[in-house]
């Protein structure tokens, strides 16, 4: 990846310092928490069941096949566990590696297209952006998709702007294929061909022009794309064919290849938002990088008028990505996150000039000042006045002391950020902004994770469940959530996850009646309705904003089944 030109000792120090800061900020808190809802427990459970069952081809959620997403992230989490033998680290490791890879790739693009200083600015701009850190500190699919799309963009841009570089092009196409079998949208990296063709036929400066006889090399990109997809598709289809007698596998194939891809895009069934939904996202969740828009927008315009292909290709791709995700009704902020590395890249050439501007430094200090003031006010009000929002939060989380330690953390973050402003002031505003963002992430990760983990992950709840089970006891689960089965850390019987709750309950009490002395049921409060005598059941309290119970057969009202009105059919819990 690195070019032959030698970096100066100062450039090398800055590069390694940037990587160290990224590792510390993104990796802070790993090992201090378990997977948190909604997505993390689902994916970690699928990975854990792969390790335990040996079936790495078809993900499961309990006893059911899980077809919402391809298994790429589950494979990586399972492989991480095999390497480190610790789930608290393993489930976050793929996101950390994807984040570091994205930073390296953006740095290298900036270095190749401009110079090493621009590369450092590009990686730094990405690292400081709120959404990038917020998402890469979580174990969702989106950081991995971000990594694969950024790698695909790297390969295509190196070829299209500094080529011909066919190996980079084939690598980019291969990474786009890996993105497809991660979440489908990896194919969007190929939208770079649109601005590339505009630049090629418009005689833009800096665009690579492979010879006319290179058509077969272009086609090899499709071969690389297909080869990456085949790594999963072929074994999956052959495995489903081997289970031809089980209709669940045929349904899995249809759901994951059609319903969860084209169906989700054309007929979105969740997260409905208006067409302009992404405007606030690019303004506020991309802070503080978005503060540079007043400076970068006119400079991009000047670059486009000068026919600079280095700006046209990434900027054109960002616009196409925004248009693509603005068309369907279903929208989420993470859908457009792959645009962030390219935004950082095309902002970087102008940052050295812009960061000297008084207006930008003042805007950065105002941003950190507003954040610090808000943190201080929220934490102080919760500690001193005990408002309703603080009391409700503490009750939902099961905090007996009202969440005193958590609110104190808010106060500390706010004080640190305001102290940085007072100390560094306008002259060193860049350091104040970077330090304020880093302080927020580090304090949150090292302070809040241990406080919130038991209630967020169900670790405390399931530890209590385990303590009530005798050596020969079995547990059945009704209306359960993924974190319940994941954190139970012992075998359990489930009666489906997507099945209606009243059907789960009926199957569960039948199962329990076969060995009433040793079989317990774990259930969500509404499912029990009037069919369980709560005076004979054991209340487990609140976790994940829900009330949970466990009971033996003597608490079951004979012949009673809950009405269908208690049902909330989970419909595969959207996790995109």
Protein backbone atom coordinates (compact mmCIF):
# COMPACT_ATOMS: atom_id res chain seq x y z
CA UNK A 1 0.00 0.00 0.00
CA UNK A 2 2.85 2.39 0.79
CA UNK A 3 4.61 4.15 -2.04
CA UNK A 4 8.34 4.18 -2.56
CA UNK A 5 8.83 7.79 -1.44
CA UNK A 6 10.24 7.90 2.05
CA UNK A 7 8.38 9.61 4.87
CA UNK A 8 10.23 12.03 7.10
CA UNK A 9 10.75 11.05 10.75
CA UNK A 10 8.13 13.63 11.76
CA UNK A 11 5.60 12.20 9.30
CA UNK A 12 6.24 8.69 10.59
CA UNK A 13 5.76 9.81 14.19
CA UNK A 14 2.49 11.54 13.33
CA UNK A 15 1.26 8.50 11.45
CA UNK A 16 1.95 6.08 14.29
CA UNK A 17 0.57 8.53 16.85
CA UNK A 18 -2.66 8.75 14.87
CA UNK A 19 -2.95 4.95 14.78
CA UNK A 20 -2.26 4.73 18.51
CA UNK A 21 -4.93 7.32 19.28
CA UNK A 22 -7.41 5.47 17.06
CA UNK A 23 -6.63 2.16 18.76
CA UNK A 24 -7.04 3.66 22.24
CA UNK A 25 -10.22 5.62 21.53
CA UNK A 26 -12.04 2.92 19.54
CA UNK A 27 -10.71 0.03 21.60
CA UNK A 28 -11.39 1.63 24.99
CA UNK A 29 -13.87 -0.42 26.99
CA UNK A 30 -13.34 -3.71 25.17
CA UNK A 31 -13.66 -6.43 27.78
CA UNK A 32 -15.75 -4.24 30.10
CA UNK A 33 -19.17 -5.04 28.64
CA UNK A 34 -21.19 -7.76 27.00
CA UNK A 35 -23.26 -7.35 23.81
CA UNK A 36 -26.03 -4.74 24.17
CA UNK A 37 -29.38 -4.71 22.31
CA UNK A 38 -30.72 -4.49 19.82
CA UNK A 39 -28.31 -5.94 17.28
CA UNK A 40 -25.22 -6.96 19.21
CA UNK A 41 -26.72 -9.89 21.19
CA UNK A 42 -28.39 -11.23 18.05
CA UNK A 43 -25.16 -11.35 16.10
CA UNK A 44 -23.08 -12.60 19.02
CA UNK A 45 -25.62 -15.36 19.70
CA UNK A 46 -25.42 -16.50 16.07
CA UNK A 47 -21.60 -16.54 16.30
CA UNK A 48 -21.63 -18.37 19.63
CA UNK A 49 -23.98 -21.03 18.28
CA UNK A 50 -21.66 -21.47 15.28
CA UNK A 51 -18.74 -22.19 17.60
CA UNK A 52 -20.76 -24.54 19.80
CA UNK A 53 -22.57 -26.45 17.03
CA UNK A 54 -19.83 -26.49 14.39
CA UNK A 55 -22.38 -25.29 11.79
CA UNK A 56 -20.74 -22.16 10.36
CA UNK A 57 -22.83 -22.11 7.19
CA UNK A 58 -26.37 -21.52 8.46
CA UNK A 59 -26.74 -19.03 11.33
CA UNK A 60 -29.29 -19.82 14.02
CA UNK A 61 -31.16 -17.77 16.57
CA UNK A 62 -31.91 -20.39 19.17
CA UNK A 63 -33.66 -23.25 17.40
CA UNK A 64 -34.57 -21.22 14.30
CA UNK A 65 -32.54 -20.37 11.22
CA UNK A 66 -31.63 -16.69 11.11
CA UNK A 67 -31.92 -15.29 7.58
CA UNK A 68 -31.92 -11.52 8.07
CA UNK A 69 -28.23 -11.12 7.23
CA UNK A 70 -25.47 -13.14 5.55
CA UNK A 71 -23.08 -14.75 8.03
CA UNK A 72 -19.94 -12.66 7.34
CA UNK A 73 -19.99 -10.78 10.66
CA UNK A 74 -20.92 -13.95 12.54
CA UNK A 75 -17.96 -15.75 10.97
CA UNK A 76 -15.59 -12.99 12.00
CA UNK A 77 -16.92 -12.84 15.56
CA UNK A 78 -16.70 -16.63 15.85
CA UNK A 79 -13.16 -16.62 14.39
CA UNK A 80 -12.20 -13.82 16.80
CA UNK A 81 -13.41 -15.95 19.68
CA UNK A 82 -11.36 -18.88 18.46
CA UNK A 83 -8.34 -16.57 18.50
CA UNK A 84 -8.82 -14.75 21.84
CA UNK A 85 -11.19 -17.16 23.71
CA UNK A 86 -13.08 -14.24 25.26
CA UNK A 87 -16.50 -13.20 23.96
CA UNK A 88 -16.34 -9.73 25.53
CA UNK A 89 -13.39 -8.96 23.27
CA UNK A 90 -14.27 -11.16 20.31
CA UNK A 91 -17.65 -9.64 19.53
CA UNK A 92 -16.15 -6.12 19.18
CA UNK A 93 -12.92 -7.10 17.42
CA UNK A 94 -14.28 -7.09 13.82
CA UNK A 95 -15.56 -3.52 14.22
CA UNK A 96 -12.23 -2.35 15.64
CA UNK A 97 -10.26 -3.95 12.79
CA UNK A 98 -12.67 -2.54 10.17
CA UNK A 99 -12.27 0.94 11.67
CA UNK A 100 -8.47 0.78 11.68
CA UNK A 101 -8.46 -0.55 8.11
CA UNK A 102 -10.72 2.31 6.98
CA UNK A 103 -8.41 4.87 8.55
CA UNK A 104 -5.36 3.32 6.89
CA UNK A 105 -7.06 3.20 3.50
CA UNK A 106 -8.21 6.82 3.67
CA UNK A 107 -4.73 7.87 4.76
CA UNK A 108 -3.20 6.02 1.83
CA UNK A 109 -5.63 7.54 -0.67
CA UNK A 110 -4.83 11.02 0.59
CA UNK A 111 -1.12 10.27 0.39
CA UNK A 112 -1.32 8.88 -3.14
CA UNK A 113 -3.63 11.54 -4.58
CA UNK A 114 -2.02 14.53 -2.81
CA UNK A 115 0.68 14.02 -0.15
CA UNK A 116 1.29 12.50 3.28
CA UNK A 117 0.02 15.55 5.12
CA UNK A 118 -3.30 15.32 3.29
CA UNK A 119 -3.40 11.62 4.15
CA UNK A 120 -2.99 12.41 7.84
CA UNK A 121 -5.67 15.09 7.64
CA UNK A 122 -8.04 12.66 5.90
CA UNK A 123 -7.61 9.93 8.51
CA UNK A 124 -7.82 12.47 11.36
CA UNK A 125 -11.01 14.00 9.94
CA UNK A 126 -12.61 10.55 9.79
CA UNK A 127 -11.45 9.63 13.28
CA UNK A 128 -12.87 12.76 14.90
CA UNK A 129 -16.33 12.41 13.33
CA UNK A 130 -19.03 11.46 15.83
CA UNK A 131 -20.86 8.81 13.78
CA UNK A 132 -17.65 7.00 12.85
CA UNK A 133 -16.55 6.48 16.46
CA UNK A 134 -20.06 5.85 17.77
CA UNK A 135 -20.69 3.06 15.27
CA UNK A 136 -17.23 1.46 15.24
CA UNK A 137 -17.38 1.05 19.03
CA UNK A 138 -20.42 -1.18 18.48
CA UNK A 139 -20.65 -4.73 17.15
CA UNK A 140 -23.04 -4.16 14.29
CA UNK A 141 -22.69 -5.07 10.63
CA UNK A 142 -22.34 -1.46 9.49
CA UNK A 143 -18.68 -0.91 10.54
CA UNK A 144 -17.74 -4.03 8.61
CA UNK A 145 -19.67 -2.84 5.56
CA UNK A 146 -17.92 0.52 5.91
CA UNK A 147 -14.56 -1.25 5.88
CA UNK A 148 -15.31 -3.34 2.79
CA UNK A 149 -16.78 -0.43 0.81
CA UNK A 150 -13.82 1.79 1.74
CA UNK A 151 -11.45 -0.96 0.59
CA UNK A 152 -13.41 -1.26 -2.66
CA UNK A 153 -13.28 2.51 -3.14
CA UNK A 154 -9.53 2.46 -2.46
CA UNK A 155 -8.91 -0.10 -5.20
CA UNK A 156 -11.14 1.62 -7.74
CA UNK A 157 -9.81 5.13 -7.03
CA UNK A 158 -6.17 4.05 -7.17
CA UNK A 159 -6.84 2.47 -10.55
CA UNK A 160 -9.04 5.27 -11.92
CA UNK A 161 -6.89 8.18 -10.72
CA UNK A 162 -3.33 6.82 -10.40
CA UNK A 163 -3.45 3.91 -12.79
CA UNK A 164 -3.76 1.89 -14.73
CA UNK A 165 -3.35 -0.30 -11.65
CA UNK A 166 -5.22 -3.48 -12.47
CA UNK A 167 -4.39 -5.38 -9.30
CA UNK A 168 -5.81 -2.53 -7.23
CA UNK A 169 -8.93 -2.55 -9.43
CA UNK A 170 -9.43 -6.30 -9.03
CA UNK A 171 -8.84 -6.00 -5.30
CA UNK A 172 -11.49 -3.28 -5.13
CA UNK A 173 -14.01 -5.41 -6.99
CA UNK A 174 -13.25 -8.37 -4.74
CA UNK A 175 -13.85 -6.21 -1.64
CA UNK A 176 -17.12 -4.98 -3.15
CA UNK A 177 -18.12 -8.65 -3.43
CA UNK A 178 -17.24 -9.20 0.23
CA UNK A 179 -19.40 -6.19 1.03
CA UNK A 180 -22.28 -7.78 -0.87
CA UNK A 181 -22.12 -10.98 1.18
CA UNK A 182 -21.90 -8.88 4.32
CA UNK A 183 -24.96 -6.71 3.81
CA UNK A 184 -25.83 -6.54 0.13
CA UNK A 185 -24.98 -2.86 -0.30
CA UNK A 186 -21.31 -3.52 -0.97
CA UNK A 187 -22.18 -3.32 -4.67
CA UNK A 188 -22.66 0.43 -4.25
CA UNK A 189 -18.90 0.91 -4.45
CA UNK A 190 -19.26 0.25 -8.20
CA UNK A 191 -21.23 3.50 -8.51
CA UNK A 192 -17.78 5.07 -8.82
CA UNK A 193 -17.92 4.10 -12.49
CA UNK A 194 -20.50 6.85 -13.10
CA UNK A 195 -18.31 9.85 -12.16
CA UNK A 196 -15.30 8.03 -13.65
CA UNK A 197 -16.98 7.84 -17.05
CA UNK A 198 -17.95 11.51 -16.75
CA UNK A 199 -14.31 12.39 -16.06
CA UNK A 200 -13.00 10.08 -18.77
CA UNK A 201 -15.18 11.40 -21.57
CA UNK A 202 -15.07 14.96 -20.26
CA UNK A 203 -11.27 15.09 -20.41
CA UNK A 204 -10.88 15.83 -16.67
CA UNK A 205 -7.41 16.26 -15.21
CA UNK A 206 -5.86 13.38 -13.31
CA UNK A 207 -8.08 10.58 -14.62
CA UNK A 208 -6.48 7.33 -15.74
CA UNK A 209 -7.11 6.26 -19.35
CA UNK A 210 -6.44 2.53 -19.91
CA UNK A 211 -5.94 1.51 -23.52
CA UNK A 212 -8.74 0.29 -25.75
CA UNK A 213 -7.38 -3.25 -25.63
CA UNK A 214 -7.89 -3.51 -21.88
CA UNK A 215 -11.57 -4.47 -22.05
CA UNK A 216 -10.88 -8.00 -20.84
CA UNK A 217 -9.08 -6.63 -17.77
CA UNK A 218 -12.18 -4.64 -16.90
CA UNK A 219 -14.26 -7.82 -17.15
CA UNK A 220 -11.93 -9.57 -14.74
CA UNK A 221 -13.27 -7.16 -12.12
CA UNK A 222 -16.64 -8.85 -12.48
CA UNK A 223 -14.90 -12.20 -12.04
CA UNK A 224 -13.30 -10.93 -8.81
CA UNK A 225 -16.69 -9.64 -7.64
CA UNK A 226 -18.35 -12.97 -8.37
CA UNK A 227 -15.51 -14.94 -6.77
CA UNK A 228 -15.95 -13.07 -3.50
CA UNK A 229 -19.71 -13.65 -3.52
CA UNK A 230 -19.19 -17.33 -4.34
CA UNK A 231 -17.23 -17.81 -1.11
CA UNK A 232 -20.59 -17.82 0.66
CA UNK A 233 -23.25 -18.33 -2.00
CA UNK A 234 -22.01 -21.64 -3.40
CA UNK A 235 -21.56 -23.47 -0.07
CA UNK A 236 -24.86 -22.02 1.19
CA UNK A 237 -26.84 -23.16 -1.85
CA UNK A 238 -25.22 -26.60 -1.81
CA UNK A 239 -25.88 -26.90 1.92
CA UNK A 240 -29.53 -25.93 1.46
CA UNK A 241 -29.84 -28.53 -1.30
CA UNK A 242 -28.46 -31.16 1.08
CA UNK A 243 -31.35 -30.26 3.44
CA UNK A 244 -33.94 -30.49 0.68
CA UNK A 245 -36.29 -32.40 2.97
CA UNK A 246 -36.52 -29.50 5.42
CA UNK A 247 -38.60 -26.57 4.10
CA UNK A 248 -36.91 -24.22 6.60
CA UNK A 249 -33.74 -24.22 4.48
CA UNK A 250 -35.60 -23.42 1.26
CA UNK A 251 -37.33 -20.59 3.09
CA UNK A 252 -33.93 -19.40 4.37
CA UNK A 253 -32.54 -19.21 0.83
CA UNK A 254 -35.55 -17.31 -0.52
CA UNK A 255 -35.64 -14.89 2.40
CA UNK A 256 -31.97 -13.97 2.42
CA UNK A 257 -31.55 -13.72 -1.37
CA UNK A 258 -34.75 -11.88 -2.23
CA UNK A 259 -36.86 -10.64 0.68
CA UNK A 260 -33.99 -9.17 2.71
CA UNK A 261 -32.34 -7.46 -0.29
CA UNK A 262 -34.52 -6.28 -3.17
CA UNK A 263 -37.64 -6.64 -1.05
CA UNK A 264 -36.26 -4.54 1.79
CA UNK A 265 -35.21 -1.79 -0.63
CA UNK A 266 -38.30 -1.65 -2.85
CA UNK A 267 -40.90 -2.27 -0.13
CA UNK A 268 -39.33 -1.07 3.10
CA UNK A 269 -41.27 -2.37 6.08
CA UNK A 270 -39.60 -0.38 8.83
CA UNK A 271 -37.75 2.86 9.67
CA UNK A 272 -39.95 4.99 7.41
CA UNK A 273 -38.70 8.56 7.00
CA UNK A 274 -39.19 11.45 4.54
CA UNK A 275 -36.96 11.98 1.50
CA UNK A 276 -34.87 14.69 3.19
CA UNK A 277 -34.17 12.55 6.26
CA UNK A 278 -30.42 12.46 5.64
CA UNK A 279 -29.87 16.23 5.67
CA UNK A 280 -29.83 16.45 9.50
CA UNK A 281 -27.63 13.35 9.56
CA UNK A 282 -24.90 14.90 7.42
CA UNK A 283 -25.15 18.12 9.44
CA UNK A 284 -25.23 16.83 13.01
CA UNK A 285 -24.03 13.22 13.28
CA UNK A 286 -21.03 14.10 11.09
CA UNK A 287 -19.91 16.78 13.54
CA UNK A 288 -17.34 18.23 13.99
CA UNK A 289 -16.26 17.50 10.39
CA UNK A 290 -19.50 19.07 9.14
CA UNK A 291 -18.34 22.40 10.60
CA UNK A 292 -15.98 22.66 7.64
CA UNK A 293 -18.79 22.68 5.03
CA UNK A 294 -18.81 26.50 4.62
CA UNK A 295 -15.12 26.25 3.70
CA UNK A 296 -15.05 23.04 1.69
CA UNK A 297 -18.17 23.59 -0.44
CA UNK A 298 -16.81 26.58 -2.38
CA UNK A 299 -13.42 24.90 -2.73
CA UNK A 300 -15.03 21.75 -4.12
CA UNK A 301 -16.89 23.92 -6.59
CA UNK A 302 -13.66 25.56 -7.71
CA UNK A 303 -12.03 22.13 -8.07
CA UNK A 304 -14.94 20.88 -10.18
CA UNK A 305 -14.73 23.95 -12.42
CA UNK A 306 -11.01 23.22 -12.80
CA UNK A 307 -11.94 19.64 -13.80
CA UNK A 308 -10.05 17.98 -10.93
CA UNK A 309 -11.03 14.31 -11.09
CA UNK A 310 -9.66 13.73 -7.58
CA UNK A 311 -12.63 15.67 -6.22
CA UNK A 312 -15.21 14.65 -8.83
CA UNK A 313 -14.99 10.89 -8.30
CA UNK A 314 -15.37 10.72 -4.50
CA UNK A 315 -17.85 13.63 -4.39
CA UNK A 316 -19.94 12.22 -7.23
CA UNK A 317 -20.01 8.85 -5.47
CA UNK A 318 -21.18 10.46 -2.21
CA UNK A 319 -24.04 12.19 -4.04
CA UNK A 320 -25.08 8.96 -5.77
CA UNK A 321 -25.01 7.09 -2.45
CA UNK A 322 -27.24 9.72 -0.82
CA UNK A 323 -29.68 9.61 -3.73
CA UNK A 324 -29.78 5.80 -3.66
CA UNK A 325 -30.69 5.64 0.03
CA UNK A 326 -33.11 8.58 -0.17
CA UNK A 327 -35.41 6.79 -2.64
CA UNK A 328 -36.92 4.02 -0.43
CA UNK A 329 -39.17 4.84 2.50
CA UNK A 330 -36.96 2.89 4.91
CA UNK A 331 -33.99 4.96 6.06
CA UNK A 332 -31.45 4.79 8.87
CA UNK A 333 -28.51 7.01 9.67
CA UNK A 334 -26.02 4.14 9.30
CA UNK A 335 -27.01 3.52 5.69
CA UNK A 336 -24.99 6.52 4.48
CA UNK A 337 -22.05 6.00 6.85
CA UNK A 338 -19.86 4.55 4.03
CA UNK A 339 -19.81 8.08 2.58
CA UNK A 340 -17.83 9.36 5.58
CA UNK A 341 -14.36 8.13 4.51
CA UNK A 342 -14.79 9.73 1.08
CA UNK A 343 -16.03 12.95 2.66
CA UNK A 344 -12.95 13.04 4.89
CA UNK A 345 -10.76 12.38 1.84
CA UNK A 346 -12.05 15.30 -0.24
CA UNK A 347 -12.08 17.64 2.78
CA UNK A 348 -8.47 16.89 3.70
CA UNK A 349 -6.68 18.90 0.96
CA UNK A 350 -8.22 22.10 2.36
CA UNK A 351 -7.96 21.46 6.10
CA UNK A 352 -4.49 22.92 6.55
CA UNK A 353 -5.82 26.24 5.25
CA UNK A 354 -9.24 26.06 6.91
CA UNK A 355 -7.99 25.17 10.38
CA UNK A 356 -6.16 28.50 10.45
CA UNK A 357 -9.43 30.37 9.94
CA UNK A 358 -10.78 32.11 13.01
CA UNK A 359 -14.40 31.30 12.17
CA UNK A 360 -13.74 27.55 12.03
CA UNK A 361 -11.79 27.49 15.28
CA UNK A 362 -14.56 29.49 16.95
CA UNK A 363 -17.17 27.07 15.59
CA UNK A 364 -15.20 24.11 16.95
CA UNK A 365 -14.93 25.66 20.41
CA UNK A 366 -18.66 26.46 20.35
CA UNK A 367 -19.47 22.86 19.48
CA UNK A 368 -17.39 21.44 22.34
CA UNK A 369 -18.69 24.17 24.65
CA UNK A 370 -22.32 23.35 23.91
CA UNK A 371 -21.65 19.64 24.39
CA UNK A 372 -19.80 20.20 27.66
CA UNK A 373 -22.49 22.55 28.98
CA UNK A 374 -25.24 20.08 28.09
CA UNK A 375 -23.37 17.24 29.81
CA UNK A 376 -22.81 19.36 32.91
CA UNK A 377 -26.44 20.52 33.09
CA UNK A 378 -27.94 17.06 32.56
CA UNK A 379 -25.64 15.41 35.10
CA UNK A 380 -25.98 18.22 37.64
CA UNK A 381 -29.78 18.32 37.38
CA UNK A 382 -30.02 14.55 37.78
CA UNK A 383 -27.79 14.60 40.88
CA UNK A 384 -29.35 17.61 42.61
CA UNK A 385 -32.97 17.92 41.47
CA UNK A 386 -33.82 14.26 40.64
CA UNK A 387 -36.08 15.13 37.68
CA UNK A 388 -38.55 12.65 36.25
CA UNK A 389 -36.34 11.65 33.32
CA UNK A 390 -33.56 10.64 35.74
CA UNK A 391 -35.91 8.74 38.04
CA UNK A 392 -37.54 6.90 35.14
CA UNK A 393 -34.16 5.97 33.71
CA UNK A 394 -32.92 4.68 37.06
CA UNK A 395 -36.09 2.62 37.57
CA UNK A 396 -35.92 1.09 34.10
CA UNK A 397 -32.28 0.18 34.67
CA UNK A 398 -32.84 -1.13 38.19
CA UNK A 399 -30.46 1.39 39.81
CA UNK A 400 -31.15 1.46 43.54
CA UNK A 401 -29.18 4.70 44.07
CA UNK A 402 -30.87 6.56 41.23
CA UNK A 403 -27.89 6.11 38.90
CA UNK A 404 -25.66 8.44 40.94
CA UNK A 405 -22.40 7.18 39.36
CA UNK A 406 -23.73 7.60 35.83
CA UNK A 407 -24.87 11.19 36.35
CA UNK A 408 -21.54 11.99 37.99
CA UNK A 409 -19.88 10.76 34.81
CA UNK A 410 -21.88 13.31 32.78
CA UNK A 411 -20.66 16.06 35.09
CA UNK A 412 -17.04 14.91 34.71
CA UNK A 413 -17.23 14.85 30.90
CA UNK A 414 -18.75 18.31 30.84
CA UNK A 415 -16.12 19.71 33.22
CA UNK A 416 -13.25 18.22 31.18
CA UNK A 417 -14.59 19.68 27.94
CA UNK A 418 -15.16 23.14 29.43
CA UNK A 419 -11.74 23.04 31.09
CA UNK A 420 -10.12 22.26 27.72
CA UNK A 421 -11.82 25.30 26.19
CA UNK A 422 -10.75 27.57 29.04
CA UNK A 423 -7.16 26.32 28.89
CA UNK A 424 -6.51 26.03 25.16
CA UNK A 425 -8.78 28.80 23.90
CA UNK A 426 -9.05 29.96 20.31
CA UNK A 427 -5.35 29.72 19.50
CA UNK A 428 -5.32 25.95 20.11
CA UNK A 429 -8.94 25.23 19.28
CA UNK A 430 -8.07 22.15 17.21
CA UNK A 431 -6.49 20.49 20.25
CA UNK A 432 -9.51 21.48 22.38
CA UNK A 433 -11.96 19.89 19.92
CA UNK A 434 -9.89 16.71 19.50
CA UNK A 435 -9.31 16.45 23.25
CA UNK A 436 -12.97 17.08 24.05
CA UNK A 437 -14.14 14.34 21.69
CA UNK A 438 -11.51 11.89 22.92
CA UNK A 439 -12.35 12.62 26.56
CA UNK A 440 -16.03 11.95 25.92
CA UNK A 441 -15.40 8.57 24.30
CA UNK A 442 -12.78 7.45 26.81
CA UNK A 443 -14.75 8.42 29.91
CA UNK A 444 -17.94 6.93 28.51
CA UNK A 445 -16.23 3.65 27.60
CA UNK A 446 -14.30 3.18 30.84
CA UNK A 447 -16.94 4.57 33.22
CA UNK A 448 -20.39 3.86 31.75
CA UNK A 449 -19.78 0.38 30.36
CA UNK A 450 -19.40 -1.33 33.76
CA UNK A 451 -22.31 0.64 35.23
CA UNK A 452 -24.78 -0.10 32.44
CA UNK A 453 -23.68 -3.60 31.50
CA UNK A 454 -25.83 -5.69 33.82
CA UNK A 455 -29.09 -3.96 32.86
CA UNK A 456 -28.25 -3.45 29.18
CA UNK A 457 -26.93 -6.92 28.43
CA UNK A 458 -29.18 -8.94 30.79
CA UNK A 459 -26.01 -10.26 32.43
CA UNK A 460 -27.38 -9.53 35.91
CA UNK A 461 -30.81 -10.93 35.08
CA UNK A 462 -29.50 -14.20 33.68
CA UNK A 463 -27.03 -14.60 36.54
CA UNK A 464 -30.01 -14.53 38.88
CA UNK A 465 -31.79 -17.10 36.71
CA UNK A 466 -28.79 -19.42 36.90
CA UNK A 467 -28.66 -19.06 40.67
CA UNK A 468 -32.21 -20.40 41.00
CA UNK A 469 -31.65 -23.50 38.87
CA UNK A 470 -30.69 -26.69 40.64
CA UNK A 471 -28.14 -29.21 39.31
CA UNK A 472 -30.75 -31.26 37.44
CA UNK A 473 -33.07 -28.42 36.44
CA UNK A 474 -33.90 -27.39 32.89
CA UNK A 475 -35.05 -24.02 31.59
CA UNK A 476 -37.58 -23.24 28.87
CA UNK A 477 -37.79 -19.73 27.38
CA UNK A 478 -40.96 -17.91 26.30
CA UNK A 479 -41.08 -14.51 24.54
CA UNK A 480 -37.34 -14.30 25.06
CA UNK A 481 -34.80 -11.88 23.63
CA UNK A 482 -31.44 -12.77 22.15
CA UNK A 483 -29.53 -11.36 25.11
CA UNK A 484 -31.39 -13.73 27.44
CA UNK A 485 -30.22 -16.87 25.68
CA UNK A 486 -26.76 -15.43 25.06
CA UNK A 487 -26.13 -14.44 28.69
CA UNK A 488 -27.72 -17.55 30.20
CA UNK A 489 -24.49 -19.39 29.34
CA UNK A 490 -26.03 -22.84 29.73
CA UNK A 491 -28.32 -25.01 27.57
CA UNK A 492 -31.97 -24.01 27.38
CA UNK A 493 -35.04 -24.98 25.40
CA UNK A 494 -36.79 -22.40 23.27
CA UNK A 495 -40.08 -22.67 21.43
CA UNK A 496 -39.21 -20.46 18.51
CA UNK A 497 -38.37 -16.80 18.37
CA UNK A 498 -40.60 -15.56 15.57
CA UNK A 499 -43.52 -17.73 16.71
CA UNK A 500 -46.51 -15.88 18.28
CA UNK A 501 -46.14 -15.61 22.02
CA UNK A 502 -49.31 -17.51 22.89
CA UNK A 503 -48.09 -20.43 20.75
CA UNK A 504 -44.75 -20.35 22.54
CA UNK A 505 -46.50 -20.41 25.90
CA UNK A 506 -48.73 -23.35 24.92
CA UNK A 507 -45.74 -25.41 23.76
CA UNK A 508 -43.76 -24.43 26.85
CA UNK A 509 -46.33 -25.54 29.45
CA UNK A 510 -46.75 -28.83 27.58
CA UNK A 511 -42.98 -29.34 27.71
CA UNK A 512 -42.87 -28.38 31.40
CA UNK A 513 -45.66 -30.81 32.31
CA UNK A 514 -43.51 -33.72 31.12
CA UNK A 515 -41.13 -33.20 34.06
CA UNK A 516 -42.69 -30.65 36.42
CA UNK A 517 -40.21 -31.24 39.23
CA UNK A 518 -37.16 -30.13 37.22
CA UNK A 519 -38.43 -27.80 34.50
CA UNK A 520 -38.66 -24.03 34.89
CA UNK A 521 -40.11 -21.51 32.45
CA UNK A 522 -38.58 -18.09 31.90
CA UNK A 523 -41.13 -15.62 30.51
CA UNK A 524 -41.94 -11.99 29.79
CA UNK A 525 -44.61 -10.59 32.08
CA UNK A 526 -47.39 -9.87 29.49
CA UNK A 527 -47.27 -13.42 28.14
CA UNK A 528 -48.20 -14.88 31.51
CA UNK A 529 -51.50 -12.91 31.50
CA UNK A 530 -53.93 -14.59 33.91
CA UNK A 531 -52.52 -18.04 33.24
CA UNK A 532 -49.76 -17.92 35.86
CA UNK A 533 -50.27 -17.44 39.59
CA UNK A 534 -47.70 -14.73 40.30
CA UNK A 535 -47.75 -15.49 44.04
CA UNK A 536 -46.12 -18.83 43.21
CA UNK A 537 -43.76 -17.42 40.55
CA UNK A 538 -40.40 -15.74 41.03
CA UNK A 539 -40.08 -12.12 39.96
CA UNK A 540 -36.73 -11.36 38.34
CA UNK A 541 -37.30 -7.60 38.13
CA UNK A 542 -36.56 -5.22 35.27
CA UNK A 543 -34.01 -5.70 32.52
CA UNK A 544 -33.92 -4.06 29.09
CA UNK A 545 -37.02 -2.08 30.12
CA UNK A 546 -39.05 -5.27 30.60
CA UNK A 547 -40.39 -7.28 33.52
CA UNK A 548 -39.28 -10.93 33.67
CA UNK A 549 -40.41 -13.99 35.68
CA UNK A 550 -39.59 -17.64 36.11
CA UNK A 551 -41.91 -20.28 37.45
CA UNK A 552 -42.46 -24.01 37.85
CA UNK A 553 -45.54 -26.06 37.00
CA UNK A 554 -47.34 -25.36 40.28
CA UNK A 555 -47.78 -21.70 39.25
CA UNK A 556 -49.47 -22.60 35.94
CA UNK A 557 -53.26 -22.27 35.90
CA UNK A 558 -54.52 -25.57 34.40
CA UNK A 559 -56.23 -25.32 31.03
CA UNK A 560 -55.53 -21.59 30.68
CA UNK A 561 -53.89 -20.13 27.58
CA UNK A 562 -53.15 -16.44 27.06
CA UNK A 563 -55.30 -14.61 24.55
CA UNK A 564 -53.79 -13.77 21.15
CA UNK A 565 -53.99 -10.10 22.15
CA UNK A 566 -50.77 -10.53 24.15
CA UNK A 567 -48.85 -11.41 21.01
CA UNK A 568 -46.23 -9.22 19.47
CA UNK A 569 -44.94 -11.30 16.59
CA UNK A 570 -41.26 -10.20 16.36
CA UNK A 571 -41.16 -10.25 12.54
CA UNK A 572 -37.43 -10.95 12.54
CA UNK A 573 -36.51 -7.84 14.57
CA UNK A 574 -35.12 -5.50 11.90
CA UNK A 575 -31.43 -5.15 12.48
CA UNK A 576 -30.25 -3.36 9.37
